Amino acid sequence: MFNIIRQEQREVEGELEKEEQRPSPDVGRLVALKQQATNLSRELEHFRDV
């Protein structure tokens, strides 16, 4: 499960980076991707604490 979440986090971070580099990034998409990345990070922290 940890590896699945980590892979998803990498994909979200990649999408976030691409969106940030666009000439006119979609602010709503940036906010959503950042929130998703934060949520995945929290899930990973939970696994580390167990």
C-alpha atoms as a PDB file:
ATOM      1  CA  MET A   1       0.000   0.000   0.000  1.00  0.00           C
ATOM      2  CA  PHE A   2       2.842   2.380   0.891  1.00  0.00           C
ATOM      3  CA  ASN A   3       4.406   1.933  -2.557  1.00  0.00           C
ATOM      4  CA  ILE A   4       1.091   2.606  -4.304  1.00  0.00           C
ATOM      5  CA  ILE A   5       0.581   5.841  -2.382  1.00  0.00           C
ATOM      6  CA  ARG A   6       4.191   6.882  -3.016  1.00  0.00           C
ATOM      7  CA  GLN A   7       3.803   6.263  -6.752  1.00  0.00           C
ATOM      8  CA  GLU A   8       0.588   8.266  -6.824  1.00  0.00           C
ATOM      9  CA  GLN A   9       2.334  11.088  -4.963  1.00  0.00           C
ATOM     10  CA  ARG A  10       5.144  11.130  -7.555  1.00  0.00           C
ATOM     11  CA  GLU A  11       2.596  11.318 -10.367  1.00  0.00           C
ATOM     12  CA  VAL A  12       0.729  14.189  -8.707  1.00  0.00           C
ATOM     13  CA  GLU A  13       3.985  16.047  -8.077  1.00  0.00           C
ATOM     14  CA  GLY A  14       4.910  15.574 -11.754  1.00  0.00           C
ATOM     15  CA  GLU A  15       1.552  16.959 -12.883  1.00  0.00           C
ATOM     16  CA  LEU A  16       1.953  19.863 -10.469  1.00  0.00           C
ATOM     17  CA  GLU A  17       5.396  20.674 -11.836  1.00  0.00           C
ATOM     18  CA  LYS A  18       4.114  20.578 -15.435  1.00  0.00           C
ATOM     19  CA  GLU A  19       1.186  22.836 -14.558  1.00  0.00           C
ATOM     20  CA  GLU A  20       3.473  25.340 -12.798  1.00  0.00           C
ATOM     21  CA  GLN A  21       5.694  25.534 -15.885  1.00  0.00           C
ATOM     22  CA  ARG A  22       2.839  26.266 -18.275  1.00  0.00           C
ATOM     23  CA  PRO A  23       2.728  29.823 -19.671  1.00  0.00           C
ATOM     24  CA  SER A  24      -0.643  30.398 -17.960  1.00  0.00           C
ATOM     25  CA  PRO A  25      -1.134  27.827 -15.229  1.00  0.00           C
ATOM     26  CA  ASP A  26      -4.654  26.976 -14.145  1.00  0.00           C
ATOM     27  CA  VAL A  27      -4.803  28.265 -10.565  1.00  0.00           C
ATOM     28  CA  GLY A  28      -7.699  25.967  -9.639  1.00  0.00           C
ATOM     29  CA  ARG A  29      -5.778  22.940 -10.902  1.00  0.00           C
ATOM     30  CA  LEU A  30      -2.656  24.053  -9.005  1.00  0.00           C
ATOM     31  CA  VAL A  31      -4.617  24.331  -5.772  1.00  0.00           C
ATOM     32  CA  ALA A  32      -6.229  20.913  -6.300  1.00  0.00           C
ATOM     33  CA  LEU A  33      -2.907  19.229  -7.122  1.00  0.00           C
ATOM     34  CA  LYS A  34      -1.186  20.809  -4.112  1.00  0.00           C
ATOM     35  CA  GLN A  35      -4.013  19.630  -1.855  1.00  0.00           C
ATOM     36  CA  GLN A  36      -3.829  16.132  -3.301  1.00  0.00           C
ATOM     37  CA  ALA A  37      -0.033  16.056  -2.802  1.00  0.00           C
ATOM     38  CA  THR A  38      -0.480  17.189   0.808  1.00  0.00           C
ATOM     39  CA  ASN A  39      -3.090  14.513   1.468  1.00  0.00           C
ATOM     40  CA  LEU A  40      -0.847  11.813   0.023  1.00  0.00           C
ATOM     41  CA  SER A  41       2.076  13.038   2.137  1.00  0.00           C
ATOM     42  CA  ARG A  42      -0.082  12.755   5.241  1.00  0.00           C
ATOM     43  CA  GLU A  43      -1.051   9.207   4.305  1.00  0.00           C
ATOM     44  CA  LEU A  44       2.624   8.311   3.879  1.00  0.00           C
ATOM     45  CA  GLU A  45       3.435   9.818   7.283  1.00  0.00           C
ATOM     46  CA  HIS A  46       0.774   7.587   8.800  1.00  0.00           C
ATOM     47  CA  PHE A  47       2.577   4.512   7.425  1.00  0.00           C
ATOM     48  CA  ARG A  48       5.891   5.719   8.828  1.00  0.00           C
ATOM     49  CA  ASP A  49       4.349   6.183  12.268  1.00  0.00           C
ATOM     50  CA  VAL A  50       2.950   2.642  12.373  1.00  0.00           C
END
